[in-house]
């Protein structure tokens, strides 16, 4: 049974699904060179309103600017395990989206990071450490369930960070899997049917 190890926190783009899931989350922008925490302007463009098509050269230039900023934020996040959840690189929006539990100390540290790239703060119900702890616990059940089999276990995307869940894909009896895993992990897991790849 494959098990997805803890993924690196940098996702390459924000999907429309993630935007819909996180629309209700509080957002603040930690801006560029003279960074400070400010509310985004009402007409601020989001990935859903910016052009979806970008030539590869422009995309490459933006990626070169965002990568060092993402690495710096990742390094900072490691110093705040009680707050930091993850981040995604929004190439069309030319910014980084940072998921974290509300923590004035982390937010202040991020604001003084001066990466030169805007960072949008989004609330997350759980930290990366909490998600990975749940992921590891679920992984111990692989091969030890009855009526269903756990196929994948993952928590490394902006969609899971915004909801604070570990996604568990199973084959077999979905109702039983949901019942048993909810009894063990409560709302920390989301159980769905997932088919193993053919071949």
Protein backbone atom coordinates (compact mmCIF):
# COMPACT_ATOMS: atom_id res chain seq x y z
CA UNK A 1 0.00 0.00 0.00
CA UNK A 2 1.55 3.34 -0.92
CA UNK A 3 1.81 5.97 1.81
CA UNK A 4 2.41 9.57 0.91
CA UNK A 5 5.21 10.85 3.19
CA UNK A 6 4.94 14.38 4.61
CA UNK A 7 5.05 16.57 1.53
CA UNK A 8 7.09 19.78 1.28
CA UNK A 9 4.88 22.68 2.03
CA UNK A 10 5.37 24.59 -1.19
CA UNK A 11 2.56 23.90 -3.68
CA UNK A 12 3.05 25.36 -7.16
CA UNK A 13 -0.34 27.02 -7.60
CA UNK A 14 -3.58 27.75 -5.82
CA UNK A 15 -6.43 25.79 -7.33
CA UNK A 16 -9.94 27.08 -7.79
CA UNK A 17 -11.16 24.42 -5.39
CA UNK A 18 -8.80 25.64 -2.69
CA UNK A 19 -9.98 29.21 -3.23
CA UNK A 20 -13.58 28.18 -2.73
CA UNK A 21 -12.70 26.25 0.39
CA UNK A 22 -10.72 29.11 1.88
CA UNK A 23 -12.95 32.00 0.84
CA UNK A 24 -14.29 32.33 4.38
CA UNK A 25 -10.83 32.37 5.97
CA UNK A 26 -9.43 35.62 7.29
CA UNK A 27 -6.76 37.12 5.08
CA UNK A 28 -4.09 39.71 5.64
CA UNK A 29 -1.21 40.71 3.44
CA UNK A 30 2.36 40.85 4.55
CA UNK A 31 3.80 43.12 1.88
CA UNK A 32 7.06 43.47 -0.02
CA UNK A 33 10.22 45.41 0.86
CA UNK A 34 8.66 47.65 3.51
CA UNK A 35 6.67 44.76 4.89
CA UNK A 36 3.79 45.31 7.26
CA UNK A 37 0.54 43.56 8.06
CA UNK A 38 -2.27 45.30 6.23
CA UNK A 39 -5.74 44.45 5.04
CA UNK A 40 -5.84 43.73 1.30
CA UNK A 41 -7.59 46.42 -0.77
CA UNK A 42 -11.22 45.59 -1.61
CA UNK A 43 -10.44 45.26 -5.31
CA UNK A 44 -7.27 43.21 -4.82
CA UNK A 45 -6.91 40.67 -7.59
CA UNK A 46 -6.96 37.04 -6.59
CA UNK A 47 -5.84 33.97 -8.55
CA UNK A 48 -9.42 33.51 -9.69
CA UNK A 49 -9.62 37.00 -11.23
CA UNK A 50 -6.15 37.31 -12.74
CA UNK A 51 -5.44 36.00 -16.24
CA UNK A 52 -5.07 32.23 -16.15
CA UNK A 53 -2.76 32.08 -19.16
CA UNK A 54 0.84 33.20 -18.81
CA UNK A 55 3.72 32.65 -21.19
CA UNK A 56 6.42 30.32 -19.92
CA UNK A 57 9.11 33.01 -19.89
CA UNK A 58 7.09 35.30 -17.64
CA UNK A 59 6.11 32.39 -15.45
CA UNK A 60 9.76 31.41 -15.09
CA UNK A 61 10.80 34.94 -14.08
CA UNK A 62 8.08 35.10 -11.42
CA UNK A 63 9.02 31.65 -10.15
CA UNK A 64 12.64 32.77 -9.72
CA UNK A 65 11.43 35.66 -7.55
CA UNK A 66 9.01 33.59 -5.50
CA UNK A 67 11.23 30.58 -4.77
CA UNK A 68 13.72 32.37 -2.44
CA UNK A 69 10.84 34.02 -0.61
CA UNK A 70 9.08 30.66 -0.21
CA UNK A 71 12.27 29.11 1.16
CA UNK A 72 12.69 31.94 3.67
CA UNK A 73 9.08 31.58 4.84
CA UNK A 74 9.51 27.82 5.13
CA UNK A 75 12.61 28.32 7.29
CA UNK A 76 10.75 30.82 9.48
CA UNK A 77 7.77 28.49 9.79
CA UNK A 78 10.02 25.75 11.17
CA UNK A 79 10.75 28.08 14.08
CA UNK A 80 7.03 28.39 14.85
CA UNK A 81 5.70 24.81 15.02
CA UNK A 82 2.81 25.96 17.18
CA UNK A 83 1.51 28.22 14.41
CA UNK A 84 2.83 27.37 10.95
CA UNK A 85 0.86 25.04 8.70
CA UNK A 86 2.15 25.48 5.17
CA UNK A 87 2.29 27.71 2.11
CA UNK A 88 1.53 27.75 -1.56
CA UNK A 89 3.16 29.74 -4.32
CA UNK A 90 0.61 31.70 -6.35
CA UNK A 91 2.41 32.38 -9.64
CA UNK A 92 -0.49 34.20 -11.39
CA UNK A 93 -0.98 36.36 -8.28
CA UNK A 94 2.79 36.90 -7.85
CA UNK A 95 2.53 36.18 -4.14
CA UNK A 96 2.79 33.47 -1.52
CA UNK A 97 -0.16 32.27 0.53
CA UNK A 98 0.79 31.33 4.09
CA UNK A 99 -1.45 29.11 6.21
CA UNK A 100 -1.09 29.33 9.97
CA UNK A 101 -2.93 29.29 13.25
CA UNK A 102 -3.35 32.86 14.41
CA UNK A 103 -0.24 33.86 16.32
CA UNK A 104 0.81 37.51 16.70
CA UNK A 105 4.44 36.47 17.17
CA UNK A 106 4.56 34.51 13.92
CA UNK A 107 2.70 37.22 12.01
CA UNK A 108 5.10 39.87 13.30
CA UNK A 109 8.13 37.76 12.40
CA UNK A 110 6.76 37.19 8.91
CA UNK A 111 6.13 40.92 8.50
CA UNK A 112 9.79 41.66 9.26
CA UNK A 113 11.12 38.97 6.92
CA UNK A 114 11.33 41.47 4.01
CA UNK A 115 11.31 38.93 1.20
CA UNK A 116 10.22 41.52 -1.36
CA UNK A 117 7.23 39.32 -2.22
CA UNK A 118 3.70 39.84 -0.85
CA UNK A 119 2.46 37.09 1.45
CA UNK A 120 -1.25 36.53 2.05
CA UNK A 121 -2.05 35.16 5.51
CA UNK A 122 -4.83 32.60 5.78
CA UNK A 123 -6.14 31.02 8.95
CA UNK A 124 -5.73 27.29 9.44
CA UNK A 125 -7.38 25.22 12.17
CA UNK A 126 -4.33 23.02 12.74
CA UNK A 127 -0.57 23.30 12.45
CA UNK A 128 1.64 21.21 10.21
CA UNK A 129 2.88 19.30 13.26
CA UNK A 130 -0.69 18.42 14.21
CA UNK A 131 -1.56 17.30 10.68
CA UNK A 132 1.58 15.19 10.37
CA UNK A 133 0.91 13.58 13.77
CA UNK A 134 -2.54 12.53 12.58
CA UNK A 135 -1.11 11.37 9.26
CA UNK A 136 1.41 9.15 11.06
CA UNK A 137 -1.31 7.70 13.29
CA UNK A 138 -3.54 6.86 10.33
CA UNK A 139 -0.57 5.31 8.54
CA UNK A 140 -0.18 2.72 11.30
CA UNK A 141 -3.58 1.34 10.30
CA UNK A 142 -2.52 0.56 6.72
CA UNK A 143 -2.95 -3.19 6.24
CA UNK A 144 -4.77 -3.55 9.57
CA UNK A 145 -8.38 -2.72 8.72
CA UNK A 146 -11.37 -4.95 8.02
CA UNK A 147 -13.89 -4.33 5.25
CA UNK A 148 -11.80 -1.64 3.63
CA UNK A 149 -8.19 -0.86 2.81
CA UNK A 150 -6.44 2.45 3.32
CA UNK A 151 -4.87 3.40 0.00
CA UNK A 152 -3.34 6.84 0.54
CA UNK A 153 -2.86 9.20 3.48
CA UNK A 154 -1.91 12.82 2.85
CA UNK A 155 -1.92 16.30 4.36
CA UNK A 156 0.37 18.35 2.16
CA UNK A 157 -1.79 20.74 0.12
CA UNK A 158 -3.47 24.09 0.58
CA UNK A 159 -6.87 22.38 0.41
CA UNK A 160 -6.08 20.18 3.40
CA UNK A 161 -4.33 22.98 5.32
CA UNK A 162 -7.30 25.33 5.07
CA UNK A 163 -9.63 22.63 6.40
CA UNK A 164 -7.21 21.15 8.91
CA UNK A 165 -7.77 17.59 7.72
CA UNK A 166 -5.76 14.59 6.66
CA UNK A 167 -7.18 13.09 3.48
CA UNK A 168 -7.56 9.32 3.62
CA UNK A 169 -8.45 7.41 0.47
CA UNK A 170 -9.74 3.88 0.85
CA UNK A 171 -11.07 1.01 -1.21
CA UNK A 172 -13.95 -1.06 0.07
CA UNK A 173 -16.68 -0.18 2.55
CA UNK A 174 -16.73 3.63 2.67
CA UNK A 175 -19.45 3.87 5.33
CA UNK A 176 -17.52 1.56 7.66
CA UNK A 177 -14.25 3.40 7.03
CA UNK A 178 -15.83 6.76 7.79
CA UNK A 179 -17.44 5.43 10.95
CA UNK A 180 -14.31 3.75 12.30
CA UNK A 181 -11.84 6.47 11.38
CA UNK A 182 -14.12 9.20 12.71
CA UNK A 183 -14.31 7.29 15.99
CA UNK A 184 -10.50 7.32 16.19
CA UNK A 185 -9.68 10.73 14.71
CA UNK A 186 -12.84 12.83 14.79
CA UNK A 187 -12.86 15.72 12.33
CA UNK A 188 -9.11 15.46 11.75
CA UNK A 189 -9.64 13.12 8.77
CA UNK A 190 -11.64 13.19 5.56
CA UNK A 191 -12.32 9.75 4.12
CA UNK A 192 -13.06 9.19 0.45
CA UNK A 193 -12.98 6.35 -2.05
CA UNK A 194 -9.74 6.17 -4.01
CA UNK A 195 -8.94 3.63 -6.69
CA UNK A 196 -5.40 2.23 -7.00
CA UNK A 197 -3.75 3.05 -10.33
CA UNK A 198 -4.05 0.39 -12.99
CA UNK A 199 -0.85 -1.43 -13.92
